[in-house]
Amino acid sequence: MMVRIECTSCGHVGITAAATLPRELTCSRCGSSRCVKAEDCRRVASRTAVIEWLCRAEAPPARAR
């Protein structure tokens, strides 16, 4: 399952696999880092939505927690 992660410092949005969490992540935009847990993230609706988001740089649709 892919999850959406938002940087608390600058608002930059990224995605990662929920199975790899918890772990320390570093924002590629501002360089801040924090420990991220799967419970802190929003699940991405579908793999297709992730690919479309990556290609168009729009916010991906996410399911409610």
PDB file of N, CA and C in Angstrom:
ATOM      1  N   MET A   1       0.845  -1.169   0.000  1.00  0.00           N
ATOM      2  CA  MET A   1       0.000   0.000   0.000  1.00  0.00           C
ATOM      3  C   MET A   1       0.896   1.239   0.000  1.00  0.00           C
ATOM      4  N   MET A   2       0.559   2.191  -0.846  1.00  0.00           N
ATOM      5  CA  MET A   2       1.287   3.446  -0.935  1.00  0.00           C
ATOM      6  C   MET A   2       0.588   4.480  -0.062  1.00  0.00           C
ATOM      7  N   VAL A   3       1.388   5.320   0.593  1.00  0.00           N
ATOM      8  CA  VAL A   3       0.843   6.372   1.433  1.00  0.00           C
ATOM      9  C   VAL A   3       1.423   7.719   1.038  1.00  0.00           C
ATOM     10  N   ARG A   4       0.619   8.748   1.249  1.00  0.00           N
ATOM     11  CA  ARG A   4       0.998  10.132   0.950  1.00  0.00           C
ATOM     12  C   ARG A   4       1.607  10.740   2.199  1.00  0.00           C
ATOM     13  N   ILE A   5       2.760  11.393   2.034  1.00  0.00           N
ATOM     14  CA  ILE A   5       3.443  12.025   3.158  1.00  0.00           C
ATOM     15  C   ILE A   5       3.632  13.504   2.843  1.00  0.00           C
ATOM     16  N   GLU A   6       3.310  14.355   3.811  1.00  0.00           N
ATOM     17  CA  GLU A   6       3.478  15.792   3.635  1.00  0.00           C
ATOM     18  C   GLU A   6       4.512  16.303   4.640  1.00  0.00           C
ATOM     19  N   CYS A   7       5.483  17.092   4.163  1.00  0.00           N
ATOM     20  CA  CYS A   7       6.502  17.671   5.042  1.00  0.00           C
ATOM     21  C   CYS A   7       5.840  18.681   5.968  1.00  0.00           C
ATOM     22  N   THR A   8       6.113  18.581   7.251  1.00  0.00           N
ATOM     23  CA  THR A   8       5.525  19.509   8.213  1.00  0.00           C
ATOM     24  C   THR A   8       6.181  20.889   8.154  1.00  0.00           C
ATOM     25  N   SER A   9       7.375  20.974   7.571  1.00  0.00           N
ATOM     26  CA  SER A   9       8.071  22.262   7.489  1.00  0.00           C
ATOM     27  C   SER A   9       7.673  23.089   6.277  1.00  0.00           C
ATOM     28  N   CYS A  10       7.685  22.450   5.081  1.00  0.00           N
ATOM     29  CA  CYS A  10       7.454  23.225   3.856  1.00  0.00           C
ATOM     30  C   CYS A  10       6.203  22.808   3.083  1.00  0.00           C
ATOM     31  N   GLY A  11       5.571  21.701   3.456  1.00  0.00           N
ATOM     32  CA  GLY A  11       4.362  21.267   2.779  1.00  0.00           C
ATOM     33  C   GLY A  11       4.592  20.402   1.551  1.00  0.00           C
ATOM     34  N   HIS A  12       5.847  20.106   1.218  1.00  0.00           N
ATOM     35  CA  HIS A  12       6.158  19.247   0.071  1.00  0.00           C
ATOM     36  C   HIS A  12       5.493  17.888   0.255  1.00  0.00           C
ATOM     37  N   VAL A  13       4.931  17.334  -0.817  1.00  0.00           N
ATOM     38  CA  VAL A  13       4.208  16.067  -0.741  1.00  0.00           C
ATOM     39  C   VAL A  13       4.973  14.980  -1.486  1.00  0.00           C
ATOM     40  N   GLY A  14       5.018  13.785  -0.890  1.00  0.00           N
ATOM     41  CA  GLY A  14       5.645  12.640  -1.520  1.00  0.00           C
ATOM     42  C   GLY A  14       4.877  11.381  -1.198  1.00  0.00           C
ATOM     43  N   ILE A  15       5.337  10.266  -1.739  1.00  0.00           N
ATOM     44  CA  ILE A  15       4.701   8.981  -1.460  1.00  0.00           C
ATOM     45  C   ILE A  15       5.762   7.958  -1.092  1.00  0.00           C
ATOM     46  N   THR A  16       5.352   6.947  -0.342  1.00  0.00           N
ATOM     47  CA  THR A  16       6.238   5.853   0.021  1.00  0.00           C
ATOM     48  C   THR A  16       5.398   4.619   0.317  1.00  0.00           C
ATOM     49  N   ALA A  17       6.044   3.492   0.411  1.00  0.00           N
ATOM     50  CA  ALA A  17       5.346   2.247   0.740  1.00  0.00           C
ATOM     51  C   ALA A  17       5.117   2.194   2.248  1.00  0.00           C
ATOM     52  N   ALA A  18       3.901   1.898   2.655  1.00  0.00           N
ATOM     53  CA  ALA A  18       3.558   1.844   4.083  1.00  0.00           C
ATOM     54  C   ALA A  18       4.339   0.750   4.798  1.00  0.00           C
ATOM     55  N   ALA A  19       4.703  -0.310   4.083  1.00  0.00           N
ATOM     56  CA  ALA A  19       5.427  -1.428   4.689  1.00  0.00           C
ATOM     57  C   ALA A  19       6.821  -1.029   5.169  1.00  0.00           C
ATOM     58  N   THR A  20       7.359   0.078   4.648  1.00  0.00           N
ATOM     59  CA  THR A  20       8.698   0.522   5.046  1.00  0.00           C
ATOM     60  C   THR A  20       8.693   1.429   6.271  1.00  0.00           C
ATOM     61  N   LEU A  21       7.503   1.764   6.755  1.00  0.00           N
ATOM     62  CA  LEU A  21       7.376   2.672   7.901  1.00  0.00           C
ATOM     63  C   LEU A  21       7.226   1.889   9.190  1.00  0.00           C
ATOM     64  N   PRO A  22       7.608   2.371  10.333  1.00  0.00           N
ATOM     65  CA  PRO A  22       8.155   3.707  10.616  1.00  0.00           C
ATOM     66  C   PRO A  22       9.636   3.788  10.250  1.00  0.00           C
ATOM     67  N   ARG A  23      10.046   4.975   9.858  1.00  0.00           N
ATOM     68  CA  ARG A  23      11.449   5.252   9.565  1.00  0.00           C
ATOM     69  C   ARG A  23      11.677   6.757   9.502  1.00  0.00           C
ATOM     70  N   GLU A  24      12.927   7.147   9.527  1.00  0.00           N
ATOM     71  CA  GLU A  24      13.323   8.547   9.445  1.00  0.00           C
ATOM     72  C   GLU A  24      13.330   8.955   7.973  1.00  0.00           C
ATOM     73  N   LEU A  25      12.569   9.976   7.625  1.00  0.00           N
ATOM     74  CA  LEU A  25      12.507  10.462   6.248  1.00  0.00           C
ATOM     75  C   LEU A  25      13.014  11.891   6.183  1.00  0.00           C
ATOM     76  N   THR A  26      13.661  12.233   5.065  1.00  0.00           N
ATOM     77  CA  THR A  26      14.188  13.570   4.841  1.00  0.00           C
ATOM     78  C   THR A  26      13.482  14.179   3.642  1.00  0.00           C
ATOM     79  N   CYS A  27      13.009  15.405   3.783  1.00  0.00           N
ATOM     80  CA  CYS A  27      12.331  16.102   2.697  1.00  0.00           C
ATOM     81  C   CYS A  27      13.349  16.464   1.615  1.00  0.00           C
ATOM     82  N   SER A  28      13.015  16.143   0.355  1.00  0.00           N
ATOM     83  CA  SER A  28      13.932  16.445  -0.748  1.00  0.00           C
ATOM     84  C   SER A  28      13.926  17.929  -1.107  1.00  0.00           C
ATOM     85  N   ARG A  29      12.925  18.667  -0.645  1.00  0.00           N
ATOM     86  CA  ARG A  29      12.854  20.096  -0.955  1.00  0.00           C
ATOM     87  C   ARG A  29      13.597  20.945   0.078  1.00  0.00           C
ATOM     88  N   CYS A  30      13.290  20.760   1.368  1.00  0.00           N
ATOM     89  CA  CYS A  30      13.863  21.654   2.384  1.00  0.00           C
ATOM     90  C   CYS A  30      14.938  20.990   3.249  1.00  0.00           C
ATOM     91  N   GLY A  31      15.040  19.653   3.201  1.00  0.00           N
ATOM     92  CA  GLY A  31      16.081  18.967   3.951  1.00  0.00           C
ATOM     93  C   GLY A  31      15.737  18.623   5.391  1.00  0.00           C
ATOM     94  N   SER A  32      14.548  18.992   5.860  1.00  0.00           N
ATOM     95  CA  SER A  32      14.172  18.649   7.238  1.00  0.00           C
ATOM     96  C   SER A  32      13.884  17.156   7.320  1.00  0.00           C
ATOM     97  N   SER A  33      14.063  16.586   8.506  1.00  0.00           N
ATOM     98  CA  SER A  33      13.802  15.158   8.658  1.00  0.00           C
ATOM     99  C   SER A  33      12.949  14.910   9.891  1.00  0.00           C
ATOM    100  N   ARG A  34      12.223  13.801   9.861  1.00  0.00           N
ATOM    101  CA  ARG A  34      11.398  13.403  10.995  1.00  0.00           C
ATOM    102  C   ARG A  34      11.095  11.916  10.876  1.00  0.00           C
ATOM    103  N   CYS A  35      10.717  11.340  11.998  1.00  0.00           N
ATOM    104  CA  CYS A  35      10.313   9.945  12.026  1.00  0.00           C
ATOM    105  C   CYS A  35       8.846   9.876  11.603  1.00  0.00           C
ATOM    106  N   VAL A  36       8.560   9.067  10.602  1.00  0.00           N
ATOM    107  CA  VAL A  36       7.206   8.961  10.067  1.00  0.00           C
ATOM    108  C   VAL A  36       6.659   7.572  10.353  1.00  0.00           C
ATOM    109  N   LYS A  37       5.428   7.520  10.860  1.00  0.00           N
ATOM    110  CA  LYS A  37       4.733   6.266  11.127  1.00  0.00           C
ATOM    111  C   LYS A  37       3.596   6.126  10.125  1.00  0.00           C
ATOM    112  N   ALA A  38       3.216   4.901   9.809  1.00  0.00           N
ATOM    113  CA  ALA A  38       2.132   4.661   8.854  1.00  0.00           C
ATOM    114  C   ALA A  38       0.833   5.306   9.305  1.00  0.00           C
ATOM    115  N   GLU A  39       0.599   5.370  10.612  1.00  0.00           N
ATOM    116  CA  GLU A  39      -0.638   5.965  11.138  1.00  0.00           C
ATOM    117  C   GLU A  39      -0.715   7.465  10.860  1.00  0.00           C
ATOM    118  N   ASP A  40       0.435   8.114  10.592  1.00  0.00           N
ATOM    119  CA  ASP A  40       0.477   9.552  10.359  1.00  0.00           C
ATOM    120  C   ASP A  40       0.190   9.924   8.908  1.00  0.00           C
ATOM    121  N   CYS A  41       0.025   8.928   8.036  1.00  0.00           N
ATOM    122  CA  CYS A  41      -0.087   9.165   6.597  1.00  0.00           C
ATOM    123  C   CYS A  41      -1.482   8.867   6.085  1.00  0.00           C
ATOM    124  N   ARG A  42      -1.733   9.322   4.871  1.00  0.00           N
ATOM    125  CA  ARG A  42      -2.999   9.032   4.205  1.00  0.00           C
ATOM    126  C   ARG A  42      -2.757   8.018   3.093  1.00  0.00           C
ATOM    127  N   ARG A  43      -3.609   7.013   3.010  1.00  0.00           N
ATOM    128  CA  ARG A  43      -3.483   5.967   2.012  1.00  0.00           C
ATOM    129  C   ARG A  43      -3.843   6.510   0.630  1.00  0.00           C
ATOM    130  N   VAL A  44      -3.052   6.168  -0.377  1.00  0.00           N
ATOM    131  CA  VAL A  44      -3.317   6.586  -1.744  1.00  0.00           C
ATOM    132  C   VAL A  44      -4.344   5.630  -2.333  1.00  0.00           C
ATOM    133  N   ALA A  45      -5.317   6.180  -3.047  1.00  0.00           N
ATOM    134  CA  ALA A  45      -6.464   5.406  -3.523  1.00  0.00           C
ATOM    135  C   ALA A  45      -6.087   4.247  -4.441  1.00  0.00           C
ATOM    136  N   SER A  46      -5.197   4.445  -5.393  1.00  0.00           N
ATOM    137  CA  SER A  46      -4.864   3.372  -6.325  1.00  0.00           C
ATOM    138  C   SER A  46      -3.495   3.595  -6.944  1.00  0.00           C
ATOM    139  N   ARG A  47      -2.932   2.523  -7.471  1.00  0.00           N
ATOM    140  CA  ARG A  47      -1.632   2.606  -8.150  1.00  0.00           C
ATOM    141  C   ARG A  47      -1.732   3.528  -9.366  1.00  0.00           C
ATOM    142  N   THR A  48      -2.838   3.450 -10.083  1.00  0.00           N
ATOM    143  CA  THR A  48      -3.041   4.304 -11.254  1.00  0.00           C
ATOM    144  C   THR A  48      -3.040   5.773 -10.855  1.00  0.00           C
ATOM    145  N   ALA A  49      -3.665   6.095  -9.734  1.00  0.00           N
ATOM    146  CA  ALA A  49      -3.687   7.482  -9.255  1.00  0.00           C
ATOM    147  C   ALA A  49      -2.272   7.965  -8.945  1.00  0.00           C
ATOM    148  N   VAL A  50      -1.433   7.095  -8.395  1.00  0.00           N
ATOM    149  CA  VAL A  50      -0.046   7.468  -8.090  1.00  0.00           C
ATOM    150  C   VAL A  50       0.706   7.771  -9.376  1.00  0.00           C
ATOM    151  N   ILE A  51       0.571   6.916 -10.375  1.00  0.00           N
ATOM    152  CA  ILE A  51       1.286   7.125 -11.641  1.00  0.00           C
ATOM    153  C   ILE A  51       0.826   8.410 -12.311  1.00  0.00           C
ATOM    154  N   GLU A  52      -0.499   8.653 -12.332  1.00  0.00           N
ATOM    155  CA  GLU A  52      -1.009   9.893 -12.917  1.00  0.00           C
ATOM    156  C   GLU A  52      -0.499  11.117 -12.163  1.00  0.00           C
ATOM    157  N   TRP A  53      -0.462  11.021 -10.829  1.00  0.00           N
ATOM    158  CA  TRP A  53       0.024  12.137 -10.026  1.00  0.00           C
ATOM    159  C   TRP A  53       1.490  12.418 -10.317  1.00  0.00           C
ATOM    160  N   LEU A  54       2.302  11.376 -10.420  1.00  0.00           N
ATOM    161  CA  LEU A  54       3.721  11.552 -10.700  1.00  0.00           C
ATOM    162  C   LEU A  54       3.944  12.186 -12.077  1.00  0.00           C
ATOM    163  N   CYS A  55       3.132  11.816 -13.038  1.00  0.00           N
ATOM    164  CA  CYS A  55       3.277  12.344 -14.396  1.00  0.00           C
ATOM    165  C   CYS A  55       2.774  13.771 -14.532  1.00  0.00           C
ATOM    166  N   ARG A  56       1.754  14.138 -13.755  1.00  0.00           N
ATOM    167  CA  ARG A  56       1.153  15.472 -13.875  1.00  0.00           C
ATOM    168  C   ARG A  56       1.479  16.394 -12.713  1.00  0.00           C
ATOM    169  N   ALA A  57       2.154  15.884 -11.699  1.00  0.00           N
ATOM    170  CA  ALA A  57       2.553  16.678 -10.522  1.00  0.00           C
ATOM    171  C   ALA A  57       1.361  17.332  -9.835  1.00  0.00           C
ATOM    172  N   GLU A  58       0.240  16.599  -9.766  1.00  0.00           N
ATOM    173  CA  GLU A  58      -0.926  17.080  -9.034  1.00  0.00           C
ATOM    174  C   GLU A  58      -1.048  16.280  -7.748  1.00  0.00           C
ATOM    175  N   ALA A  59      -1.845  16.744  -6.841  1.00  0.00           N
ATOM    176  CA  ALA A  59      -2.068  16.015  -5.602  1.00  0.00           C
ATOM    177  C   ALA A  59      -2.849  14.737  -5.885  1.00  0.00           C
ATOM    178  N   PRO A  60      -2.389  13.586  -5.368  1.00  0.00           N
ATOM    179  CA  PRO A  60      -3.100  12.335  -5.625  1.00  0.00           C
ATOM    180  C   PRO A  60      -4.374  12.233  -4.795  1.00  0.00           C
ATOM    181  N   PRO A  61      -5.367  11.542  -5.325  1.00  0.00           N
ATOM    182  CA  PRO A  61      -6.551  11.315  -4.500  1.00  0.00           C
ATOM    183  C   PRO A  61      -6.210  10.366  -3.363  1.00  0.00           C
ATOM    184  N   ALA A  62      -6.743  10.589  -2.209  1.00  0.00           N
ATOM    185  CA  ALA A  62      -6.445   9.725  -1.067  1.00  0.00           C
ATOM    186  C   ALA A  62      -7.747   9.332  -0.395  1.00  0.00           C
ATOM    187  N   ARG A  63      -7.749   8.164   0.175  1.00  0.00           N
ATOM    188  CA  ARG A  63      -8.915   7.690   0.903  1.00  0.00           C
ATOM    189  C   ARG A  63      -8.917   8.266   2.304  1.00  0.00           C
ATOM    190  N   ALA A  64     -10.081   8.434   2.845  1.00  0.00           N
ATOM    191  CA  ALA A  64     -10.204   8.924   4.225  1.00  0.00           C
ATOM    192  C   ALA A  64      -9.640   7.896   5.171  1.00  0.00           C
ATOM    193  N   ARG A  65      -9.123   8.331   6.270  1.00  0.00           N
ATOM    194  CA  ARG A  65      -8.544   7.417   7.264  1.00  0.00           C
ATOM    195  C   ARG A  65      -9.587   6.568   7.874  1.00  0.00           C
TER     196      ARG A  65
END
